[in-house]
Amino acid sequence: MFVRTENFRTFTNLYPIITTIVAIHLLLWLIVQFSSYVLNLTIGYNFSIFQGELWRLVTPIFLHSSITHLLFNSLSLVLFGPGLERMLGKWKFILIYLLGGVLANIATLYLAPLHYSHLGASGAIFALFGVYLYMVFFRPDLLDTANSQIILVILAISLVMTFFTENVNIYAHLFGFLAGTILAPFFLGRGFYGRSFRQIFPNINRSSNRRTRGQSIFWAILIVLVVLGVMSRFL
């Protein structure tokens, strides 16, 4: 589910919303490299939002501070977004993505200092993680055990990175995640039964030397994402 095997043309045909979002990421990053005016006009700045510039609740979702920040968020979206775009459909996917990002920015508006500024797609991406978490425990019919394990590990790593790296909008991460979890049943429907942590990790105390090629590829990509995420805090 999280291992991409499509070529570029197939991916763009199957996942037009994700393709469009990543293209916007790249386009805006290129624009702000040459225009500080555009950056100053679109970055999330609490003081300006309170002055009525409400578009700043949306535009930061598509902005990034560095090339590694851009790559980290875009690769995360390419890796974890397709399953949800296919499951939800184009309009529901973009709606929950934007709602999650905007709600994360609203939380930042009221919880962060007045002159706090921020940018990045992390709040919206964490909203997708919130949807996945809901699926892990309450819609096991939509997410198998192996992929549920991956999601929980990713969440654990993401939380560690949130609290132990500098220049991270903690409010956006946490409230984007919370927004996605709360919105999930409205987009996916309520499940008929839940799944326990023990059911997700039935072999947690057993060792195994077997690993599929797909799993190996996934963990290699995950390591790259973690490295890029750490680098983005220093560049």
C-alpha atoms as a PDB file:
ATOM      1  CA  MET A   1       0.000   0.000   0.000  1.00  0.00           C
ATOM      2  CA  PHE A   2       2.855   2.371   0.806  1.00  0.00           C
ATOM      3  CA  VAL A   3       5.392   1.072  -1.728  1.00  0.00           C
ATOM      4  CA  ARG A   4       5.138   2.926  -5.021  1.00  0.00           C
ATOM      5  CA  THR A   5       5.722   0.825  -8.136  1.00  0.00           C
ATOM      6  CA  GLU A   6       4.067   3.100 -10.720  1.00  0.00           C
ATOM      7  CA  ASN A   7       6.061   5.024 -13.288  1.00  0.00           C
ATOM      8  CA  PHE A   8       5.662   8.811 -13.406  1.00  0.00           C
ATOM      9  CA  ARG A   9       2.916   8.837 -16.049  1.00  0.00           C
ATOM     10  CA  THR A  10       0.882   6.132 -14.332  1.00  0.00           C
ATOM     11  CA  PHE A  11       1.215   7.835 -10.958  1.00  0.00           C
ATOM     12  CA  THR A  12       0.007  11.187 -12.295  1.00  0.00           C
ATOM     13  CA  ASN A  13      -2.989   9.500 -13.932  1.00  0.00           C
ATOM     14  CA  LEU A  14      -3.947   7.504 -10.858  1.00  0.00           C
ATOM     15  CA  TYR A  15      -3.356  10.230  -8.267  1.00  0.00           C
ATOM     16  CA  PRO A  16      -4.056  13.634  -9.860  1.00  0.00           C
ATOM     17  CA  ILE A  17      -4.659  15.446  -6.552  1.00  0.00           C
ATOM     18  CA  ILE A  18      -1.355  14.394  -5.017  1.00  0.00           C
ATOM     19  CA  THR A  19       0.434  15.190  -8.262  1.00  0.00           C
ATOM     20  CA  THR A  20      -1.134  18.662  -8.314  1.00  0.00           C
ATOM     21  CA  ILE A  21      -0.238  19.368  -4.664  1.00  0.00           C
ATOM     22  CA  VAL A  22       3.384  18.344  -5.186  1.00  0.00           C
ATOM     23  CA  ALA A  23       3.547  20.501  -8.326  1.00  0.00           C
ATOM     24  CA  ILE A  24       2.230  23.476  -6.325  1.00  0.00           C
ATOM     25  CA  HIS A  25       4.867  22.784  -3.649  1.00  0.00           C
ATOM     26  CA  LEU A  26       7.615  22.947  -6.245  1.00  0.00           C
ATOM     27  CA  LEU A  27       6.211  25.948  -8.119  1.00  0.00           C
ATOM     28  CA  LEU A  28       5.780  28.054  -4.989  1.00  0.00           C
ATOM     29  CA  TRP A  29       9.194  27.095  -3.684  1.00  0.00           C
ATOM     30  CA  LEU A  30      10.759  28.272  -6.942  1.00  0.00           C
ATOM     31  CA  ILE A  31       8.741  31.499  -6.879  1.00  0.00           C
ATOM     32  CA  VAL A  32       9.692  32.452  -3.325  1.00  0.00           C
ATOM     33  CA  GLN A  33      13.375  31.883  -4.112  1.00  0.00           C
ATOM     34  CA  PHE A  34      13.156  34.895  -6.392  1.00  0.00           C
ATOM     35  CA  SER A  35      10.434  36.911  -4.680  1.00  0.00           C
ATOM     36  CA  SER A  36      10.503  37.693  -0.979  1.00  0.00           C
ATOM     37  CA  TYR A  37       7.326  39.699  -1.584  1.00  0.00           C
ATOM     38  CA  VAL A  38       5.354  36.537  -2.399  1.00  0.00           C
ATOM     39  CA  LEU A  39       6.731  34.795   0.685  1.00  0.00           C
ATOM     40  CA  ASN A  40       5.884  37.737   2.933  1.00  0.00           C
ATOM     41  CA  LEU A  41       2.386  37.846   1.465  1.00  0.00           C
ATOM     42  CA  THR A  42       1.619  34.123   1.915  1.00  0.00           C
ATOM     43  CA  ILE A  43       3.517  32.877   4.964  1.00  0.00           C
ATOM     44  CA  GLY A  44       1.483  32.078   8.057  1.00  0.00           C
ATOM     45  CA  TYR A  45       1.912  35.115  10.318  1.00  0.00           C
ATOM     46  CA  ASN A  46      -0.422  35.281  13.299  1.00  0.00           C
ATOM     47  CA  PHE A  47      -0.424  39.050  13.604  1.00  0.00           C
ATOM     48  CA  SER A  48      -1.459  39.508   9.952  1.00  0.00           C
ATOM     49  CA  ILE A  49      -4.158  36.852  10.235  1.00  0.00           C
ATOM     50  CA  PHE A  50      -5.673  38.674  13.211  1.00  0.00           C
ATOM     51  CA  GLN A  51      -5.609  41.788  11.009  1.00  0.00           C
ATOM     52  CA  GLY A  52      -7.921  40.024   8.548  1.00  0.00           C
ATOM     53  CA  GLU A  53      -5.511  38.334   6.106  1.00  0.00           C
ATOM     54  CA  LEU A  54      -7.330  35.019   6.382  1.00  0.00           C
ATOM     55  CA  TRP A  55      -5.743  33.531   3.269  1.00  0.00           C
ATOM     56  CA  ARG A  56      -2.670  32.957   5.429  1.00  0.00           C
ATOM     57  CA  LEU A  57      -4.533  30.062   7.048  1.00  0.00           C
ATOM     58  CA  VAL A  58      -4.375  28.242   3.699  1.00  0.00           C
ATOM     59  CA  THR A  59      -1.271  29.383   1.799  1.00  0.00           C
ATOM     60  CA  PRO A  60       1.330  28.122   4.333  1.00  0.00           C
ATOM     61  CA  ILE A  61       0.147  24.562   3.637  1.00  0.00           C
ATOM     62  CA  PHE A  62       1.885  24.763   0.257  1.00  0.00           C
ATOM     63  CA  LEU A  63       5.050  26.655   1.262  1.00  0.00           C
ATOM     64  CA  HIS A  64       8.420  25.289   2.416  1.00  0.00           C
ATOM     65  CA  SER A  65      11.489  26.834   3.980  1.00  0.00           C
ATOM     66  CA  SER A  66      14.188  24.808   2.209  1.00  0.00           C
ATOM     67  CA  ILE A  67      14.686  22.195  -0.494  1.00  0.00           C
ATOM     68  CA  THR A  68      15.010  19.423   2.114  1.00  0.00           C
ATOM     69  CA  HIS A  69      11.809  20.606   3.797  1.00  0.00           C
ATOM     70  CA  LEU A  70      10.110  20.528   0.394  1.00  0.00           C
ATOM     71  CA  LEU A  71      11.431  17.051  -0.414  1.00  0.00           C
ATOM     72  CA  PHE A  72      10.537  15.635   2.986  1.00  0.00           C
ATOM     73  CA  ASN A  73       6.903  16.755   2.892  1.00  0.00           C
ATOM     74  CA  SER A  74       6.421  15.989  -0.808  1.00  0.00           C
ATOM     75  CA  LEU A  75       7.900  12.496  -0.492  1.00  0.00           C
ATOM     76  CA  SER A  76       5.762  11.868   2.588  1.00  0.00           C
ATOM     77  CA  LEU A  77       2.690  12.861   0.598  1.00  0.00           C
ATOM     78  CA  VAL A  78       3.687  10.665  -2.360  1.00  0.00           C
ATOM     79  CA  LEU A  79       4.286   7.742  -0.021  1.00  0.00           C
ATOM     80  CA  PHE A  80       1.237   7.979   2.241  1.00  0.00           C
ATOM     81  CA  GLY A  81      -1.286   9.926   0.172  1.00  0.00           C
ATOM     82  CA  PRO A  82      -2.155   7.564  -2.713  1.00  0.00           C
ATOM     83  CA  GLY A  83      -3.929   4.993  -0.542  1.00  0.00           C
ATOM     84  CA  LEU A  84      -6.251   7.651   0.825  1.00  0.00           C
ATOM     85  CA  GLU A  85      -6.820   9.386  -2.513  1.00  0.00           C
ATOM     86  CA  ARG A  86      -7.872   6.052  -3.977  1.00  0.00           C
ATOM     87  CA  MET A  87     -10.025   5.181  -0.950  1.00  0.00           C
ATOM     88  CA  LEU A  88     -11.707   8.563  -0.453  1.00  0.00           C
ATOM     89  CA  GLY A  89     -11.836   9.820  -4.013  1.00  0.00           C
ATOM     90  CA  LYS A  90     -10.448  13.106  -5.296  1.00  0.00           C
ATOM     91  CA  TRP A  91     -12.833  15.570  -3.662  1.00  0.00           C
ATOM     92  CA  LYS A  92     -12.976  13.983  -0.224  1.00  0.00           C
ATOM     93  CA  PHE A  93      -9.204  13.654  -0.194  1.00  0.00           C
ATOM     94  CA  ILE A  94      -8.513  17.293  -1.007  1.00  0.00           C
ATOM     95  CA  LEU A  95     -11.218  18.383   1.447  1.00  0.00           C
ATOM     96  CA  ILE A  96      -9.790  16.479   4.400  1.00  0.00           C
ATOM     97  CA  TYR A  97      -6.252  17.519   3.428  1.00  0.00           C
ATOM     98  CA  LEU A  98      -7.159  21.207   3.367  1.00  0.00           C
ATOM     99  CA  LEU A  99      -9.404  21.027   6.433  1.00  0.00           C
ATOM    100  CA  GLY A 100      -6.680  19.296   8.401  1.00  0.00           C
ATOM    101  CA  GLY A 101      -4.115  21.891   7.355  1.00  0.00           C
ATOM    102  CA  VAL A 102      -6.395  24.873   8.034  1.00  0.00           C
ATOM    103  CA  LEU A 103      -7.468  23.565  11.444  1.00  0.00           C
ATOM    104  CA  ALA A 104      -3.809  23.017  12.317  1.00  0.00           C
ATOM    105  CA  ASN A 105      -3.089  26.630  11.342  1.00  0.00           C
ATOM    106  CA  ILE A 106      -6.068  27.885  13.364  1.00  0.00           C
ATOM    107  CA  ALA A 107      -4.664  26.075  16.405  1.00  0.00           C
ATOM    108  CA  THR A 108      -1.323  27.756  15.721  1.00  0.00           C
ATOM    109  CA  LEU A 109      -3.081  31.112  15.477  1.00  0.00           C
ATOM    110  CA  TYR A 110      -4.585  30.861  18.960  1.00  0.00           C
ATOM    111  CA  LEU A 111      -1.879  28.927  20.794  1.00  0.00           C
ATOM    112  CA  ALA A 112       1.353  30.380  19.375  1.00  0.00           C
ATOM    113  CA  PRO A 113       2.650  33.909  20.105  1.00  0.00           C
ATOM    114  CA  LEU A 114       1.156  36.860  18.249  1.00  0.00           C
ATOM    115  CA  HIS A 115       4.214  37.380  16.050  1.00  0.00           C
ATOM    116  CA  TYR A 116       4.764  33.690  15.340  1.00  0.00           C
ATOM    117  CA  SER A 117       5.264  32.773  11.658  1.00  0.00           C
ATOM    118  CA  HIS A 118       5.147  29.335  10.076  1.00  0.00           C
ATOM    119  CA  LEU A 119       4.981  27.467   6.784  1.00  0.00           C
ATOM    120  CA  GLY A 120       4.880  23.867   5.582  1.00  0.00           C
ATOM    121  CA  ALA A 121       2.508  21.046   4.680  1.00  0.00           C
ATOM    122  CA  SER A 122       3.134  19.107   7.893  1.00  0.00           C
ATOM    123  CA  GLY A 123      -0.205  19.968   9.484  1.00  0.00           C
ATOM    124  CA  ALA A 124      -2.129  18.633   6.485  1.00  0.00           C
ATOM    125  CA  ILE A 125       0.081  15.540   6.245  1.00  0.00           C
ATOM    126  CA  PHE A 126      -0.415  14.835   9.943  1.00  0.00           C
ATOM    127  CA  ALA A 127      -4.159  15.034   9.280  1.00  0.00           C
ATOM    128  CA  LEU A 128      -3.709  12.138   6.845  1.00  0.00           C
ATOM    129  CA  PHE A 129      -1.871  10.233   9.583  1.00  0.00           C
ATOM    130  CA  GLY A 130      -4.862  10.901  11.827  1.00  0.00           C
ATOM    131  CA  VAL A 131      -7.151   9.316   9.242  1.00  0.00           C
ATOM    132  CA  TYR A 132      -4.859   6.304   9.082  1.00  0.00           C
ATOM    133  CA  LEU A 133      -4.825   5.989  12.872  1.00  0.00           C
ATOM    134  CA  TYR A 134      -8.625   5.864  12.869  1.00  0.00           C
ATOM    135  CA  MET A 135      -8.454   3.130  10.240  1.00  0.00           C
ATOM    136  CA  VAL A 136      -5.880   1.173  12.269  1.00  0.00           C
ATOM    137  CA  PHE A 137      -8.146   0.789  15.282  1.00  0.00           C
ATOM    138  CA  PHE A 138     -11.694   1.329  14.029  1.00  0.00           C
ATOM    139  CA  ARG A 139     -11.729   0.350  10.337  1.00  0.00           C
ATOM    140  CA  PRO A 140      -9.566  -2.782  10.131  1.00  0.00           C
ATOM    141  CA  ASP A 141     -11.556  -3.735   7.057  1.00  0.00           C
ATOM    142  CA  LEU A 142      -9.767  -0.907   5.222  1.00  0.00           C
ATOM    143  CA  LEU A 143      -6.204  -1.410   6.485  1.00  0.00           C
ATOM    144  CA  ASP A 144      -4.517  -4.771   6.979  1.00  0.00           C
ATOM    145  CA  THR A 145      -2.266  -5.682   9.899  1.00  0.00           C
ATOM    146  CA  ALA A 146       1.052  -5.174   8.086  1.00  0.00           C
ATOM    147  CA  ASN A 147       0.170  -1.652   6.959  1.00  0.00           C
ATOM    148  CA  SER A 148      -1.267  -0.864  10.389  1.00  0.00           C
ATOM    149  CA  GLN A 149       2.095  -1.740  11.915  1.00  0.00           C
ATOM    150  CA  ILE A 150       3.832   0.606   9.483  1.00  0.00           C
ATOM    151  CA  ILE A 151       1.479   3.482  10.336  1.00  0.00           C
ATOM    152  CA  LEU A 152       2.012   3.109  14.085  1.00  0.00           C
ATOM    153  CA  VAL A 153       5.789   3.025  13.666  1.00  0.00           C
ATOM    154  CA  ILE A 154       5.656   6.114  11.430  1.00  0.00           C
ATOM    155  CA  LEU A 155       3.529   7.944  13.995  1.00  0.00           C
ATOM    156  CA  ALA A 156       5.965   7.099  16.774  1.00  0.00           C
ATOM    157  CA  ILE A 157       8.922   8.393  14.725  1.00  0.00           C
ATOM    158  CA  SER A 158       6.996  11.509  13.689  1.00  0.00           C
ATOM    159  CA  LEU A 159       6.133  12.369  17.288  1.00  0.00           C
ATOM    160  CA  VAL A 160       9.766  11.971  18.317  1.00  0.00           C
ATOM    161  CA  MET A 161      10.829  14.297  15.486  1.00  0.00           C
ATOM    162  CA  THR A 162       8.094  16.760  16.467  1.00  0.00           C
ATOM    163  CA  PHE A 163       9.265  17.177  20.054  1.00  0.00           C
ATOM    164  CA  PHE A 164      13.003  16.715  19.667  1.00  0.00           C
ATOM    165  CA  THR A 165      13.892  18.839  16.642  1.00  0.00           C
ATOM    166  CA  GLU A 166      14.109  22.603  16.357  1.00  0.00           C
ATOM    167  CA  ASN A 167      11.930  24.995  14.341  1.00  0.00           C
ATOM    168  CA  VAL A 168       8.962  22.629  14.248  1.00  0.00           C
ATOM    169  CA  ASN A 169       5.409  23.924  14.489  1.00  0.00           C
ATOM    170  CA  ILE A 170       4.322  21.554  17.233  1.00  0.00           C
ATOM    171  CA  TYR A 171       0.807  23.014  17.268  1.00  0.00           C
ATOM    172  CA  ALA A 172       0.305  22.221  13.574  1.00  0.00           C
ATOM    173  CA  HIS A 173       1.604  18.677  13.923  1.00  0.00           C
ATOM    174  CA  LEU A 174      -0.516  17.786  16.936  1.00  0.00           C
ATOM    175  CA  PHE A 175      -3.716  19.555  15.941  1.00  0.00           C
ATOM    176  CA  GLY A 176      -3.445  18.484  12.305  1.00  0.00           C
ATOM    177  CA  PHE A 177      -3.218  14.912  13.540  1.00  0.00           C
ATOM    178  CA  LEU A 178      -6.121  15.445  15.941  1.00  0.00           C
ATOM    179  CA  ALA A 179      -8.220  17.041  13.182  1.00  0.00           C
ATOM    180  CA  GLY A 180      -7.641  14.105  10.841  1.00  0.00           C
ATOM    181  CA  THR A 181      -8.589  11.608  13.546  1.00  0.00           C
ATOM    182  CA  ILE A 182     -11.799  13.466  14.381  1.00  0.00           C
ATOM    183  CA  LEU A 183     -12.775  14.021  10.748  1.00  0.00           C
ATOM    184  CA  ALA A 184     -12.031  10.433   9.670  1.00  0.00           C
ATOM    185  CA  PRO A 185     -15.364   8.828  10.673  1.00  0.00           C
ATOM    186  CA  PHE A 186     -17.272  11.497   8.756  1.00  0.00           C
ATOM    187  CA  PHE A 187     -15.338  10.668   5.580  1.00  0.00           C
ATOM    188  CA  LEU A 188     -14.865   6.905   6.042  1.00  0.00           C
ATOM    189  CA  GLY A 189     -17.919   5.978   8.071  1.00  0.00           C
ATOM    190  CA  ARG A 190     -18.001   4.367  11.482  1.00  0.00           C
ATOM    191  CA  GLY A 191     -16.560   0.890  11.878  1.00  0.00           C
ATOM    192  CA  PHE A 192     -18.435  -2.109  13.204  1.00  0.00           C
ATOM    193  CA  TYR A 193     -15.682  -3.271  15.536  1.00  0.00           C
ATOM    194  CA  GLY A 194     -12.308  -2.200  16.830  1.00  0.00           C
ATOM    195  CA  ARG A 195      -8.860  -3.730  16.755  1.00  0.00           C
ATOM    196  CA  SER A 196      -6.528  -3.935  19.732  1.00  0.00           C
ATOM    197  CA  PHE A 197      -2.817  -3.171  19.845  1.00  0.00           C
ATOM    198  CA  ARG A 198      -2.115  -6.854  20.523  1.00  0.00           C
ATOM    199  CA  GLN A 199      -3.995  -7.804  17.365  1.00  0.00           C
ATOM    200  CA  ILE A 200      -1.900  -5.375  15.363  1.00  0.00           C
ATOM    201  CA  PHE A 201       1.398  -6.704  16.748  1.00  0.00           C
ATOM    202  CA  PRO A 202       0.688 -10.406  17.411  1.00  0.00           C
ATOM    203  CA  ASN A 203       4.346 -11.375  16.972  1.00  0.00           C
ATOM    204  CA  ILE A 204       5.887  -8.493  18.879  1.00  0.00           C
ATOM    205  CA  ASN A 205       7.947 -10.848  21.043  1.00  0.00           C
ATOM    206  CA  ARG A 206       8.967 -13.133  18.214  1.00  0.00           C
ATOM    207  CA  SER A 207      11.990 -12.668  16.011  1.00  0.00           C
ATOM    208  CA  SER A 208      11.920 -13.218  12.291  1.00  0.00           C
ATOM    209  CA  ASN A 209      14.592 -13.102   9.619  1.00  0.00           C
ATOM    210  CA  ARG A 210      12.152 -13.032   6.756  1.00  0.00           C
ATOM    211  CA  ARG A 211      11.443  -9.754   4.993  1.00  0.00           C
ATOM    212  CA  THR A 212       9.734  -9.136   1.706  1.00  0.00           C
ATOM    213  CA  ARG A 213      11.313  -6.997  -0.974  1.00  0.00           C
ATOM    214  CA  GLY A 214       8.458  -4.501  -0.665  1.00  0.00           C
ATOM    215  CA  GLN A 215       9.041  -4.104   3.073  1.00  0.00           C
ATOM    216  CA  SER A 216      12.754  -3.558   2.508  1.00  0.00           C
ATOM    217  CA  ILE A 217      12.035  -0.833  -0.036  1.00  0.00           C
ATOM    218  CA  PHE A 218       9.600   0.840   2.335  1.00  0.00           C
ATOM    219  CA  TRP A 219      12.023   0.942   5.246  1.00  0.00           C
ATOM    220  CA  ALA A 220      14.769   2.269   2.985  1.00  0.00           C
ATOM    221  CA  ILE A 221      12.466   5.114   1.912  1.00  0.00           C
ATOM    222  CA  LEU A 222      11.505   5.726   5.533  1.00  0.00           C
ATOM    223  CA  ILE A 223      15.145   6.109   6.547  1.00  0.00           C
ATOM    224  CA  VAL A 224      15.657   8.622   3.729  1.00  0.00           C
ATOM    225  CA  LEU A 225      12.605  10.601   4.880  1.00  0.00           C
ATOM    226  CA  VAL A 226      13.841  10.700   8.472  1.00  0.00           C
ATOM    227  CA  VAL A 227      17.273  11.904   7.339  1.00  0.00           C
ATOM    228  CA  LEU A 228      15.727  14.581   5.120  1.00  0.00           C
ATOM    229  CA  GLY A 229      13.448  15.640   7.954  1.00  0.00           C
ATOM    230  CA  VAL A 230      16.371  16.099  10.314  1.00  0.00           C
ATOM    231  CA  MET A 231      18.459  17.903   7.667  1.00  0.00           C
ATOM    232  CA  SER A 232      15.604  20.313   6.935  1.00  0.00           C
ATOM    233  CA  ARG A 233      15.881  21.667  10.466  1.00  0.00           C
ATOM    234  CA  PHE A 234      19.462  22.778   9.901  1.00  0.00           C
ATOM    235  CA  LEU A 235      19.450  24.061   6.286  1.00  0.00           C
END
